PDB file of N, CA and C in Angstrom:
ATOM      1  N   UNK A   1       8.387   1.477 -40.665  1.00  0.00           N
ATOM      2  CA  UNK A   1       7.150   1.251 -39.348  1.00  0.00           C
ATOM      3  C   UNK A   1       8.207   2.099 -38.191  1.00  0.00           C
ATOM      4  N   UNK A   2       8.070   2.382 -37.564  1.00  0.00           N
ATOM      5  CA  UNK A   2       9.495   2.222 -36.277  1.00  0.00           C
ATOM      6  C   UNK A   2       8.187   1.047 -35.166  1.00  0.00           C
ATOM      7  N   UNK A   3       8.947   0.757 -34.825  1.00  0.00           N
ATOM      8  CA  UNK A   3       8.798   0.555 -32.773  1.00  0.00           C
ATOM      9  C   UNK A   3       8.101   1.890 -31.581  1.00  0.00           C
ATOM     10  N   UNK A   4       7.145   1.516 -31.113  1.00  0.00           N
ATOM     11  CA  UNK A   4       6.487   2.112 -30.295  1.00  0.00           C
ATOM     12  C   UNK A   4       7.686   2.402 -29.279  1.00  0.00           C
ATOM     13  N   UNK A   5       7.128   3.430 -28.730  1.00  0.00           N
ATOM     14  CA  UNK A   5       8.905   3.431 -27.541  1.00  0.00           C
ATOM     15  C   UNK A   5       8.507   2.711 -26.460  1.00  0.00           C
ATOM     16  N   UNK A   6       8.969   1.371 -25.467  1.00  0.00           N
ATOM     17  CA  UNK A   6       8.345   1.087 -24.707  1.00  0.00           C
ATOM     18  C   UNK A   6       8.130   1.764 -23.036  1.00  0.00           C
ATOM     19  N   UNK A   7       9.366   2.214 -23.471  1.00  0.00           N
ATOM     20  CA  UNK A   7       9.001   3.213 -21.575  1.00  0.00           C
ATOM     21  C   UNK A   7      10.382   2.883 -21.424  1.00  0.00           C
ATOM     22  N   UNK A   8      11.324   3.739 -20.023  1.00  0.00           N
ATOM     23  CA  UNK A   8      12.385   3.431 -20.393  1.00  0.00           C
ATOM     24  C   UNK A   8      12.993   1.922 -19.280  1.00  0.00           C
ATOM     25  N   UNK A   9      14.021   1.587 -20.098  1.00  0.00           N
ATOM     26  CA  UNK A   9      14.955   1.084 -19.600  1.00  0.00           C
ATOM     27  C   UNK A   9      13.771  -0.870 -19.406  1.00  0.00           C
ATOM     28  N   UNK A  10      13.306  -0.406 -20.331  1.00  0.00           N
ATOM     29  CA  UNK A  10      12.760  -1.357 -21.583  1.00  0.00           C
ATOM     30  C   UNK A  10      12.151  -1.787 -22.863  1.00  0.00           C
ATOM     31  N   UNK A  11      12.900  -2.273 -23.451  1.00  0.00           N
ATOM     32  CA  UNK A  11      13.035  -3.069 -24.432  1.00  0.00           C
ATOM     33  C   UNK A  11      11.634  -3.192 -25.205  1.00  0.00           C
ATOM     34  N   UNK A  12      11.376  -3.497 -26.521  1.00  0.00           N
ATOM     35  CA  UNK A  12       9.925  -4.394 -27.034  1.00  0.00           C
ATOM     36  C   UNK A  12       9.910  -4.823 -26.569  1.00  0.00           C
ATOM     37  N   UNK A  13      10.983  -6.741 -26.996  1.00  0.00           N
ATOM     38  CA  UNK A  13      10.800  -7.528 -26.610  1.00  0.00           C
ATOM     39  C   UNK A  13      10.897  -8.259 -24.521  1.00  0.00           C
ATOM     40  N   UNK A  14      10.998  -7.496 -24.117  1.00  0.00           N
ATOM     41  CA  UNK A  14      11.068  -7.429 -22.660  1.00  0.00           C
ATOM     42  C   UNK A  14       9.467  -8.187 -22.177  1.00  0.00           C
ATOM     43  N   UNK A  15       9.503  -8.933 -21.243  1.00  0.00           N
ATOM     44  CA  UNK A  15       8.297 -10.154 -20.516  1.00  0.00           C
ATOM     45  C   UNK A  15       7.637  -9.230 -19.087  1.00  0.00           C
ATOM     46  N   UNK A  16       6.646  -8.679 -19.499  1.00  0.00           N
ATOM     47  CA  UNK A  16       5.704  -8.883 -18.114  1.00  0.00           C
ATOM     48  C   UNK A  16       6.847  -9.104 -16.929  1.00  0.00           C
ATOM     49  N   UNK A  17       6.820  -8.553 -15.780  1.00  0.00           N
ATOM     50  CA  UNK A  17       7.177  -9.287 -14.778  1.00  0.00           C
ATOM     51  C   UNK A  17       6.811  -9.718 -12.987  1.00  0.00           C
ATOM     52  N   UNK A  18       5.732 -11.214 -13.139  1.00  0.00           N
ATOM     53  CA  UNK A  18       4.896 -10.992 -11.932  1.00  0.00           C
ATOM     54  C   UNK A  18       5.266 -10.357 -10.838  1.00  0.00           C
ATOM     55  N   UNK A  19       4.396  -9.796 -10.346  1.00  0.00           N
ATOM     56  CA  UNK A  19       5.094  -9.214  -9.104  1.00  0.00           C
ATOM     57  C   UNK A  19       3.300  -9.484  -7.823  1.00  0.00           C
ATOM     58  N   UNK A  20       4.060  -9.255  -6.946  1.00  0.00           N
ATOM     59  CA  UNK A  20       2.998  -8.836  -5.913  1.00  0.00           C
ATOM     60  C   UNK A  20       2.512  -7.943  -5.272  1.00  0.00           C
ATOM     61  N   UNK A  21       1.541  -6.995  -4.984  1.00  0.00           N
ATOM     62  CA  UNK A  21       1.157  -6.364  -5.072  1.00  0.00           C
ATOM     63  C   UNK A  21       0.315  -6.074  -4.175  1.00  0.00           C
ATOM     64  N   UNK A  22       0.781  -5.365  -2.690  1.00  0.00           N
ATOM     65  CA  UNK A  22       0.755  -5.469  -0.864  1.00  0.00           C
ATOM     66  C   UNK A  22      -0.221  -3.934  -0.697  1.00  0.00           C
ATOM     67  N   UNK A  23      -1.439  -4.210  -0.530  1.00  0.00           N
ATOM     68  CA  UNK A  23      -1.986  -2.797   0.137  1.00  0.00           C
ATOM     69  C   UNK A  23      -2.390  -2.755   1.355  1.00  0.00           C
ATOM     70  N   UNK A  24      -2.164  -1.716   2.176  1.00  0.00           N
ATOM     71  CA  UNK A  24      -2.539  -1.990   3.748  1.00  0.00           C
ATOM     72  C   UNK A  24      -3.277  -0.748   3.631  1.00  0.00           C
ATOM     73  N   UNK A  25      -4.253  -0.248   4.234  1.00  0.00           N
ATOM     74  CA  UNK A  25      -5.518   0.289   5.105  1.00  0.00           C
ATOM     75  C   UNK A  25      -4.652   1.161   6.223  1.00  0.00           C
ATOM     76  N   UNK A  26      -4.862   1.894   6.295  1.00  0.00           N
ATOM     77  CA  UNK A  26      -4.706   2.098   8.033  1.00  0.00           C
ATOM     78  C   UNK A  26      -5.449   3.983   8.162  1.00  0.00           C
ATOM     79  N   UNK A  27      -5.609   3.748   8.783  1.00  0.00           N
ATOM     80  CA  UNK A  27      -6.909   4.545   9.743  1.00  0.00           C
ATOM     81  C   UNK A  27      -5.817   5.851  10.293  1.00  0.00           C
ATOM     82  N   UNK A  28      -6.606   6.962   9.206  1.00  0.00           N
ATOM     83  CA  UNK A  28      -6.205   8.192   9.744  1.00  0.00           C
ATOM     84  C   UNK A  28      -6.639   9.248  11.424  1.00  0.00           C
ATOM     85  N   UNK A  29      -7.611   7.849  12.285  1.00  0.00           N
ATOM     86  CA  UNK A  29      -7.925   8.314  13.680  1.00  0.00           C
ATOM     87  C   UNK A  29      -7.834   7.379  14.379  1.00  0.00           C
ATOM     88  N   UNK A  30      -7.838   7.897  15.296  1.00  0.00           N
ATOM     89  CA  UNK A  30      -8.233   6.586  16.571  1.00  0.00           C
ATOM     90  C   UNK A  30      -9.647   6.542  17.344  1.00  0.00           C
ATOM     91  N   UNK A  31      -9.443   5.789  17.911  1.00  0.00           N
ATOM     92  CA  UNK A  31     -10.707   5.375  18.084  1.00  0.00           C
ATOM     93  C   UNK A  31     -11.795   6.534  19.100  1.00  0.00           C
ATOM     94  N   UNK A  32     -10.422   7.487  19.040  1.00  0.00           N
ATOM     95  CA  UNK A  32     -11.410   8.377  20.249  1.00  0.00           C
ATOM     96  C   UNK A  32     -11.813   9.895  18.814  1.00  0.00           C
ATOM     97  N   UNK A  33     -11.718   8.930  17.972  1.00  0.00           N
ATOM     98  CA  UNK A  33     -11.521  10.214  16.038  1.00  0.00           C
ATOM     99  C   UNK A  33     -10.456  11.683  16.382  1.00  0.00           C
ATOM    100  N   UNK A  34      -9.493  11.607  16.846  1.00  0.00           N
ATOM    101  CA  UNK A  34      -7.747  12.191  17.083  1.00  0.00           C
ATOM    102  C   UNK A  34      -7.911  11.672  15.945  1.00  0.00           C
ATOM    103  N   UNK A  35      -6.987  13.172  15.359  1.00  0.00           N
ATOM    104  CA  UNK A  35      -5.968  12.030  14.186  1.00  0.00           C
ATOM    105  C   UNK A  35      -5.156  11.622  14.904  1.00  0.00           C
ATOM    106  N   UNK A  36      -4.108  10.362  13.819  1.00  0.00           N
ATOM    107  CA  UNK A  36      -2.700  10.102  13.939  1.00  0.00           C
ATOM    108  C   UNK A  36      -1.787  10.703  14.208  1.00  0.00           C
ATOM    109  N   UNK A  37      -0.351  10.727  14.837  1.00  0.00           N
ATOM    110  CA  UNK A  37       0.548  11.382  14.678  1.00  0.00           C
ATOM    111  C   UNK A  37       1.256  11.002  13.294  1.00  0.00           C
ATOM    112  N   UNK A  38       1.271  11.953  12.802  1.00  0.00           N
ATOM    113  CA  UNK A  38       2.305  11.842  11.156  1.00  0.00           C
ATOM    114  C   UNK A  38       2.956  11.257  11.509  1.00  0.00           C
ATOM    115  N   UNK A  39       4.163  11.165  12.135  1.00  0.00           N
ATOM    116  CA  UNK A  39       5.349  10.377  13.194  1.00  0.00           C
ATOM    117  C   UNK A  39       4.840   8.419  12.581  1.00  0.00           C
ATOM    118  N   UNK A  40       3.816   7.963  12.529  1.00  0.00           N
ATOM    119  CA  UNK A  40       3.254   6.852  13.001  1.00  0.00           C
ATOM    120  C   UNK A  40       3.150   6.407  11.522  1.00  0.00           C
ATOM    121  N   UNK A  41       2.925   7.292  10.198  1.00  0.00           N
ATOM    122  CA  UNK A  41       2.886   7.188   8.888  1.00  0.00           C
ATOM    123  C   UNK A  41       4.300   7.521   8.019  1.00  0.00           C
ATOM    124  N   UNK A  42       5.145   8.048   9.014  1.00  0.00           N
ATOM    125  CA  UNK A  42       6.472   8.395   8.271  1.00  0.00           C
ATOM    126  C   UNK A  42       7.252   6.925   8.915  1.00  0.00           C
ATOM    127  N   UNK A  43       6.881   6.247  10.384  1.00  0.00           N
ATOM    128  CA  UNK A  43       7.806   4.814  10.312  1.00  0.00           C
ATOM    129  C   UNK A  43       7.264   3.780   9.462  1.00  0.00           C
ATOM    130  N   UNK A  44       5.419   3.405   9.403  1.00  0.00           N
ATOM    131  CA  UNK A  44       5.602   3.239   8.894  1.00  0.00           C
ATOM    132  C   UNK A  44       6.208   3.080   6.692  1.00  0.00           C
ATOM    133  N   UNK A  45       6.359   4.306   6.273  1.00  0.00           N
ATOM    134  CA  UNK A  45       6.937   4.597   5.551  1.00  0.00           C
ATOM    135  C   UNK A  45       8.121   3.965   4.867  1.00  0.00           C
ATOM    136  N   UNK A  46       9.180   4.319   6.222  1.00  0.00           N
ATOM    137  CA  UNK A  46      10.688   4.209   6.098  1.00  0.00           C
ATOM    138  C   UNK A  46      10.710   2.596   6.645  1.00  0.00           C
ATOM    139  N   UNK A  47       9.835   2.670   7.352  1.00  0.00           N
ATOM    140  CA  UNK A  47       9.685   0.455   7.483  1.00  0.00           C
ATOM    141  C   UNK A  47       9.478  -0.204   6.039  1.00  0.00           C
ATOM    142  N   UNK A  48       8.357   0.385   5.196  1.00  0.00           N
ATOM    143  CA  UNK A  48       8.254  -0.717   3.681  1.00  0.00           C
ATOM    144  C   UNK A  48       9.298  -0.128   3.148  1.00  0.00           C
ATOM    145  N   UNK A  49       9.545   0.864   2.764  1.00  0.00           N
ATOM    146  CA  UNK A  49      10.697   1.148   2.102  1.00  0.00           C
ATOM    147  C   UNK A  49      12.422   0.510   1.989  1.00  0.00           C
ATOM    148  N   UNK A  50      12.229   0.195   3.781  1.00  0.00           N
ATOM    149  CA  UNK A  50      14.052  -1.139   3.796  1.00  0.00           C
ATOM    150  C   UNK A  50      13.802  -2.141   4.174  1.00  0.00           C
ATOM    151  N   UNK A  51      12.479  -2.342   3.263  1.00  0.00           N
ATOM    152  CA  UNK A  51      11.780  -3.791   3.491  1.00  0.00           C
ATOM    153  C   UNK A  51      12.460  -3.826   1.928  1.00  0.00           C
ATOM    154  N   UNK A  52      11.358  -3.174   1.106  1.00  0.00           N
ATOM    155  CA  UNK A  52      10.958  -3.278   0.241  1.00  0.00           C
ATOM    156  C   UNK A  52      11.817  -2.340  -0.962  1.00  0.00           C
ATOM    157  N   UNK A  53      12.375  -1.397  -0.798  1.00  0.00           N
ATOM    158  CA  UNK A  53      13.375  -0.194  -1.786  1.00  0.00           C
ATOM    159  C   UNK A  53      12.463   0.318  -2.208  1.00  0.00           C
ATOM    160  N   UNK A  54      11.094   0.396  -1.777  1.00  0.00           N
ATOM    161  CA  UNK A  54      10.200   1.483  -2.293  1.00  0.00           C
ATOM    162  C   UNK A  54       8.743   1.431  -1.855  1.00  0.00           C
ATOM    163  N   UNK A  55       8.076   2.678  -1.607  1.00  0.00           N
ATOM    164  CA  UNK A  55       6.437   2.354  -1.287  1.00  0.00           C
ATOM    165  C   UNK A  55       5.742   3.906  -1.703  1.00  0.00           C
ATOM    166  N   UNK A  56       4.703   2.922  -2.625  1.00  0.00           N
ATOM    167  CA  UNK A  56       3.607   4.982  -2.495  1.00  0.00           C
ATOM    168  C   UNK A  56       2.649   4.951  -1.197  1.00  0.00           C
ATOM    169  N   UNK A  57       2.517   5.919  -0.871  1.00  0.00           N
ATOM    170  CA  UNK A  57       1.667   6.655  -0.057  1.00  0.00           C
ATOM    171  C   UNK A  57       0.484   7.413  -0.349  1.00  0.00           C
ATOM    172  N   UNK A  58      -0.700   7.065  -0.373  1.00  0.00           N
ATOM    173  CA  UNK A  58      -1.785   7.422  -0.785  1.00  0.00           C
ATOM    174  C   UNK A  58      -2.357   8.951   0.948  1.00  0.00           C
ATOM    175  N   UNK A  59      -1.563  10.008   0.566  1.00  0.00           N
ATOM    176  CA  UNK A  59      -1.694  10.268   1.681  1.00  0.00           C
ATOM    177  C   UNK A  59      -2.881  12.065   1.511  1.00  0.00           C
ATOM    178  N   UNK A  60      -3.065  12.014   0.459  1.00  0.00           N
ATOM    179  CA  UNK A  60      -3.537  13.353   0.562  1.00  0.00           C
ATOM    180  C   UNK A  60      -5.019  13.182   0.589  1.00  0.00           C
ATOM    181  N   UNK A  61      -5.500  12.304  -0.135  1.00  0.00           N
ATOM    182  CA  UNK A  61      -6.773  11.858  -0.168  1.00  0.00           C
ATOM    183  C   UNK A  61      -7.535  10.318   0.601  1.00  0.00           C
ATOM    184  N   UNK A  62      -7.473  11.028   1.351  1.00  0.00           N
ATOM    185  CA  UNK A  62      -8.038   9.187   2.730  1.00  0.00           C
ATOM    186  C   UNK A  62      -8.915   8.706   1.868  1.00  0.00           C
ATOM    187  N   UNK A  63      -8.949   7.611   1.697  1.00  0.00           N
ATOM    188  CA  UNK A  63     -10.623   6.696   1.095  1.00  0.00           C
ATOM    189  C   UNK A  63     -11.044   6.820   2.354  1.00  0.00           C
ATOM    190  N   UNK A  64     -12.493   5.899   2.114  1.00  0.00           N
ATOM    191  CA  UNK A  64     -13.494   5.849   3.502  1.00  0.00           C
ATOM    192  C   UNK A  64     -14.104   4.281   3.490  1.00  0.00           C
ATOM    193  N   UNK A  65     -13.869   3.787   4.586  1.00  0.00           N
ATOM    194  CA  UNK A  65     -14.382   2.702   4.707  1.00  0.00           C
ATOM    195  C   UNK A  65     -14.846   1.769   5.297  1.00  0.00           C
ATOM    196  N   UNK A  66     -15.790   1.355   5.087  1.00  0.00           N
ATOM    197  CA  UNK A  66     -17.836   1.047   5.569  1.00  0.00           C
ATOM    198  C   UNK A  66     -17.919   0.210   5.606  1.00  0.00           C
ATOM    199  N   UNK A  67     -17.760  -0.785   7.266  1.00  0.00           N
ATOM    200  CA  UNK A  67     -18.418  -2.211   7.062  1.00  0.00           C
ATOM    201  C   UNK A  67     -19.335  -2.104   8.368  1.00  0.00           C
ATOM    202  N   UNK A  68     -19.793  -3.053   8.675  1.00  0.00           N
ATOM    203  CA  UNK A  68     -20.859  -3.713   9.618  1.00  0.00           C
ATOM    204  C   UNK A  68     -20.234  -4.721  11.065  1.00  0.00           C
ATOM    205  N   UNK A  69     -20.140  -3.818  12.159  1.00  0.00           N
ATOM    206  CA  UNK A  69     -19.765  -5.204  13.197  1.00  0.00           C
ATOM    207  C   UNK A  69     -20.552  -6.321  14.001  1.00  0.00           C
ATOM    208  N   UNK A  70     -19.770  -7.511  14.284  1.00  0.00           N
ATOM    209  CA  UNK A  70     -20.793  -8.038  14.721  1.00  0.00           C
ATOM    210  C   UNK A  70     -21.960  -7.825  15.419  1.00  0.00           C
ATOM    211  N   UNK A  71     -22.110  -6.524  16.212  1.00  0.00           N
ATOM    212  CA  UNK A  71     -23.173  -5.900  16.834  1.00  0.00           C
ATOM    213  C   UNK A  71     -24.908  -5.109  15.808  1.00  0.00           C
ATOM    214  N   UNK A  72     -23.897  -5.622  14.264  1.00  0.00           N
ATOM    215  CA  UNK A  72     -24.711  -4.856  12.933  1.00  0.00           C
ATOM    216  C   UNK A  72     -24.582  -2.906  12.724  1.00  0.00           C
ATOM    217  N   UNK A  73     -24.182  -3.006  14.079  1.00  0.00           N
ATOM    218  CA  UNK A  73     -23.697  -1.234  13.446  1.00  0.00           C
ATOM    219  C   UNK A  73     -22.803  -0.852  12.683  1.00  0.00           C
ATOM    220  N   UNK A  74     -23.352  -0.109  11.667  1.00  0.00           N
ATOM    221  CA  UNK A  74     -22.390   0.458  10.516  1.00  0.00           C
ATOM    222  C   UNK A  74     -20.990   1.478  11.297  1.00  0.00           C
ATOM    223  N   UNK A  75     -20.077   0.734  11.483  1.00  0.00           N
ATOM    224  CA  UNK A  75     -18.865   2.137  11.184  1.00  0.00           C
ATOM    225  C   UNK A  75     -18.080   2.130  10.440  1.00  0.00           C
ATOM    226  N   UNK A  76     -17.594   3.305   9.655  1.00  0.00           N
ATOM    227  CA  UNK A  76     -16.772   4.258   9.117  1.00  0.00           C
ATOM    228  C   UNK A  76     -15.220   4.974   9.026  1.00  0.00           C
ATOM    229  N   UNK A  77     -14.507   4.911   8.665  1.00  0.00           N
ATOM    230  CA  UNK A  77     -12.863   5.503   8.989  1.00  0.00           C
ATOM    231  C   UNK A  77     -12.691   5.387   7.879  1.00  0.00           C
ATOM    232  N   UNK A  78     -11.920   6.814   7.589  1.00  0.00           N
ATOM    233  CA  UNK A  78     -10.978   6.864   6.658  1.00  0.00           C
ATOM    234  C   UNK A  78      -9.680   6.542   6.675  1.00  0.00           C
ATOM    235  N   UNK A  79      -9.162   6.043   5.474  1.00  0.00           N
ATOM    236  CA  UNK A  79      -7.521   5.262   5.731  1.00  0.00           C
ATOM    237  C   UNK A  79      -6.735   5.856   4.862  1.00  0.00           C
ATOM    238  N   UNK A  80      -6.080   5.578   4.726  1.00  0.00           N
ATOM    239  CA  UNK A  80      -5.329   6.132   4.165  1.00  0.00           C
ATOM    240  C   UNK A  80      -3.824   4.606   3.702  1.00  0.00           C
ATOM    241  N   UNK A  81      -3.198   4.000   2.034  1.00  0.00           N
ATOM    242  CA  UNK A  81      -3.620   3.313   1.046  1.00  0.00           C
ATOM    243  C   UNK A  81      -1.942   3.542   1.305  1.00  0.00           C
ATOM    244  N   UNK A  82      -1.663   2.734   1.649  1.00  0.00           N
ATOM    245  CA  UNK A  82       0.024   2.444   0.981  1.00  0.00           C
ATOM    246  C   UNK A  82       0.379   0.774   0.447  1.00  0.00           C
ATOM    247  N   UNK A  83       1.475   1.238  -0.804  1.00  0.00           N
ATOM    248  CA  UNK A  83       1.162   0.020  -1.618  1.00  0.00           C
ATOM    249  C   UNK A  83       3.175  -0.137  -1.764  1.00  0.00           C
ATOM    250  N   UNK A  84       3.146  -1.276  -1.226  1.00  0.00           N
ATOM    251  CA  UNK A  84       4.774  -1.709  -1.698  1.00  0.00           C
ATOM    252  C   UNK A  84       4.034  -2.934  -3.316  1.00  0.00           C
ATOM    253  N   UNK A  85       5.320  -3.476  -4.048  1.00  0.00           N
ATOM    254  CA  UNK A  85       5.485  -4.208  -5.024  1.00  0.00           C
ATOM    255  C   UNK A  85       6.686  -5.276  -3.995  1.00  0.00           C
ATOM    256  N   UNK A  86       5.990  -6.534  -4.491  1.00  0.00           N
ATOM    257  CA  UNK A  86       7.345  -7.071  -4.205  1.00  0.00           C
ATOM    258  C   UNK A  86       7.651  -8.761  -4.806  1.00  0.00           C
ATOM    259  N   UNK A  87       8.443  -8.865  -5.394  1.00  0.00           N
ATOM    260  CA  UNK A  87       8.587 -10.247  -5.970  1.00  0.00           C
ATOM    261  C   UNK A  87       8.064 -11.320  -5.116  1.00  0.00           C
ATOM    262  N   UNK A  88       8.319 -11.730  -4.226  1.00  0.00           N
ATOM    263  CA  UNK A  88       7.582 -12.925  -3.264  1.00  0.00           C
ATOM    264  C   UNK A  88       6.955 -12.494  -2.614  1.00  0.00           C
ATOM    265  N   UNK A  89       5.562 -13.229  -1.422  1.00  0.00           N
ATOM    266  CA  UNK A  89       4.729 -12.407  -0.402  1.00  0.00           C
ATOM    267  C   UNK A  89       5.155 -14.098   0.496  1.00  0.00           C
ATOM    268  N   UNK A  90       5.798 -12.845   1.496  1.00  0.00           N
ATOM    269  CA  UNK A  90       6.449 -13.543   2.687  1.00  0.00           C
ATOM    270  C   UNK A  90       4.708 -14.011   3.305  1.00  0.00           C
ATOM    271  N   UNK A  91       4.215 -14.692   3.613  1.00  0.00           N
ATOM    272  CA  UNK A  91       3.113 -14.822   4.225  1.00  0.00           C
ATOM    273  C   UNK A  91       3.405 -14.040   6.134  1.00  0.00           C
ATOM    274  N   UNK A  92       4.816 -14.580   6.647  1.00  0.00           N
ATOM    275  CA  UNK A  92       4.394 -14.918   7.789  1.00  0.00           C
ATOM    276  C   UNK A  92       5.217 -14.038   8.107  1.00  0.00           C
ATOM    277  N   UNK A  93       6.250 -12.990   7.429  1.00  0.00           N
ATOM    278  CA  UNK A  93       6.014 -11.358   7.689  1.00  0.00           C
ATOM    279  C   UNK A  93       5.302 -10.133   7.468  1.00  0.00           C
ATOM    280  N   UNK A  94       4.358 -10.468   6.507  1.00  0.00           N
ATOM    281  CA  UNK A  94       3.257  -9.949   6.658  1.00  0.00           C
ATOM    282  C   UNK A  94       2.271  -9.731   7.932  1.00  0.00           C
ATOM    283  N   UNK A  95       2.210 -10.762   8.387  1.00  0.00           N
ATOM    284  CA  UNK A  95       1.344 -11.666   9.527  1.00  0.00           C
ATOM    285  C   UNK A  95       1.675 -11.099  10.284  1.00  0.00           C
ATOM    286  N   UNK A  96       3.119 -11.282  10.855  1.00  0.00           N
ATOM    287  CA  UNK A  96       4.201 -10.656  11.884  1.00  0.00           C
ATOM    288  C   UNK A  96       4.337  -8.698  11.783  1.00  0.00           C
ATOM    289  N   UNK A  97       3.924  -8.227  10.977  1.00  0.00           N
ATOM    290  CA  UNK A  97       4.088  -6.768  10.450  1.00  0.00           C
ATOM    291  C   UNK A  97       2.715  -6.023  10.837  1.00  0.00           C
ATOM    292  N   UNK A  98       1.353  -7.476  10.646  1.00  0.00           N
ATOM    293  CA  UNK A  98       0.309  -6.341  10.623  1.00  0.00           C
ATOM    294  C   UNK A  98       0.038  -6.464  11.901  1.00  0.00           C
ATOM    295  N   UNK A  99       0.271  -7.644  13.076  1.00  0.00           N
ATOM    296  CA  UNK A  99       0.315  -7.470  14.224  1.00  0.00           C
ATOM    297  C   UNK A  99       1.196  -6.638  14.998  1.00  0.00           C
ATOM    298  N   UNK A 100       2.162  -6.060  14.045  1.00  0.00           N
ATOM    299  CA  UNK A 100       2.287  -4.709  15.625  1.00  0.00           C
ATOM    300  C   UNK A 100       2.105  -3.358  14.983  1.00  0.00           C
ATOM    301  N   UNK A 101       1.709  -3.283  13.699  1.00  0.00           N
ATOM    302  CA  UNK A 101       0.508  -2.283  13.485  1.00  0.00           C
ATOM    303  C   UNK A 101      -0.765  -2.664  14.163  1.00  0.00           C
ATOM    304  N   UNK A 102      -1.133  -3.294  14.305  1.00  0.00           N
ATOM    305  CA  UNK A 102      -2.618  -3.807  14.742  1.00  0.00           C
ATOM    306  C   UNK A 102      -2.079  -2.517  16.770  1.00  0.00           C
ATOM    307  N   UNK A 103      -0.918  -2.950  17.117  1.00  0.00           N
ATOM    308  CA  UNK A 103      -0.912  -2.498  18.068  1.00  0.00           C
ATOM    309  C   UNK A 103      -0.253  -0.929  18.819  1.00  0.00           C
ATOM    310  N   UNK A 104       0.205  -0.501  16.609  1.00  0.00           N
ATOM    311  CA  UNK A 104       0.673   0.937  17.060  1.00  0.00           C
ATOM    312  C   UNK A 104      -0.708   1.797  16.354  1.00  0.00           C
ATOM    313  N   UNK A 105      -1.614   1.049  15.834  1.00  0.00           N
ATOM    314  CA  UNK A 105      -2.457   2.161  15.677  1.00  0.00           C
ATOM    315  C   UNK A 105      -3.731   1.714  16.654  1.00  0.00           C
ATOM    316  N   UNK A 106      -3.403   0.406  17.605  1.00  0.00           N
ATOM    317  CA  UNK A 106      -4.557  -0.135  18.312  1.00  0.00           C
ATOM    318  C   UNK A 106      -5.712   0.017  17.738  1.00  0.00           C
ATOM    319  N   UNK A 107      -5.719  -0.979  17.207  1.00  0.00           N
ATOM    320  CA  UNK A 107      -6.457  -1.488  16.174  1.00  0.00           C
ATOM    321  C   UNK A 107      -6.997  -3.044  16.430  1.00  0.00           C
ATOM    322  N   UNK A 108      -8.022  -3.611  16.058  1.00  0.00           N
ATOM    323  CA  UNK A 108      -8.511  -4.880  16.483  1.00  0.00           C
ATOM    324  C   UNK A 108      -8.113  -5.650  15.219  1.00  0.00           C
ATOM    325  N   UNK A 109      -8.178  -4.999  14.101  1.00  0.00           N
ATOM    326  CA  UNK A 109      -7.507  -5.584  12.725  1.00  0.00           C
ATOM    327  C   UNK A 109      -6.855  -4.324  11.747  1.00  0.00           C
ATOM    328  N   UNK A 110      -6.456  -4.522  11.532  1.00  0.00           N
ATOM    329  CA  UNK A 110      -5.645  -3.558  10.310  1.00  0.00           C
ATOM    330  C   UNK A 110      -5.304  -4.612   8.720  1.00  0.00           C
ATOM    331  N   UNK A 111      -6.262  -3.901   7.665  1.00  0.00           N
ATOM    332  CA  UNK A 111      -6.097  -4.789   6.123  1.00  0.00           C
ATOM    333  C   UNK A 111      -5.146  -4.477   5.803  1.00  0.00           C
ATOM    334  N   UNK A 112      -4.994  -5.637   5.516  1.00  0.00           N
ATOM    335  CA  UNK A 112      -3.922  -6.229   4.572  1.00  0.00           C
ATOM    336  C   UNK A 112      -3.762  -7.208   3.779  1.00  0.00           C
ATOM    337  N   UNK A 113      -3.898  -6.751   2.163  1.00  0.00           N
ATOM    338  CA  UNK A 113      -4.370  -7.454   0.712  1.00  0.00           C
ATOM    339  C   UNK A 113      -3.303  -7.454   0.209  1.00  0.00           C
ATOM    340  N   UNK A 114      -3.162  -8.404  -0.602  1.00  0.00           N
ATOM    341  CA  UNK A 114      -2.199  -8.562  -2.156  1.00  0.00           C
ATOM    342  C   UNK A 114      -2.793  -9.209  -2.416  1.00  0.00           C
ATOM    343  N   UNK A 115      -2.680  -8.621  -3.860  1.00  0.00           N
ATOM    344  CA  UNK A 115      -2.296  -9.253  -5.266  1.00  0.00           C
ATOM    345  C   UNK A 115      -1.392  -9.606  -6.461  1.00  0.00           C
ATOM    346  N   UNK A 116      -1.708 -10.791  -7.254  1.00  0.00           N
ATOM    347  CA  UNK A 116      -0.718 -10.446  -8.282  1.00  0.00           C
ATOM    348  C   UNK A 116      -0.650  -9.641  -9.099  1.00  0.00           C
ATOM    349  N   UNK A 117       0.238  -9.047  -9.515  1.00  0.00           N
ATOM    350  CA  UNK A 117       0.863  -8.455 -10.658  1.00  0.00           C
ATOM    351  C   UNK A 117       1.539  -7.872 -11.829  1.00  0.00           C
ATOM    352  N   UNK A 118       0.759  -8.066 -12.967  1.00  0.00           N
ATOM    353  CA  UNK A 118       2.684  -8.028 -13.808  1.00  0.00           C
ATOM    354  C   UNK A 118       3.228  -6.031 -13.559  1.00  0.00           C
ATOM    355  N   UNK A 119       4.674  -6.108 -13.610  1.00  0.00           N
ATOM    356  CA  UNK A 119       5.330  -5.040 -13.546  1.00  0.00           C
ATOM    357  C   UNK A 119       5.861  -5.415 -15.210  1.00  0.00           C
ATOM    358  N   UNK A 120       5.262  -4.046 -16.278  1.00  0.00           N
ATOM    359  CA  UNK A 120       5.325  -3.657 -17.020  1.00  0.00           C
ATOM    360  C   UNK A 120       6.557  -3.342 -17.460  1.00  0.00           C
TER     361      UNK A 120
END
């Protein structure tokens, strides 16, 4: 019986590589419900590609985020998900980048989250 194909560039005995998956949730619309210009998203894509060597952007199917603000009002946002994989998590870089994005997108908070994954 032959070994199953492990995929391009992976020998059957290769071990999974620990990585960090970083996800950015960027709003589609500003606070007056006007769509952000495409150039804003293009610059994020370019910056993340330059920094990490690649990015995945889910732009055709915006997700919907719902949360409760401090006054108890329910808020809703359509968001685009950007993902990058990194070998290590540079907290200071991500904190600074989040602050830049909050200014560009005129948001109180931009959600950036990270989780440990294995690259197979």
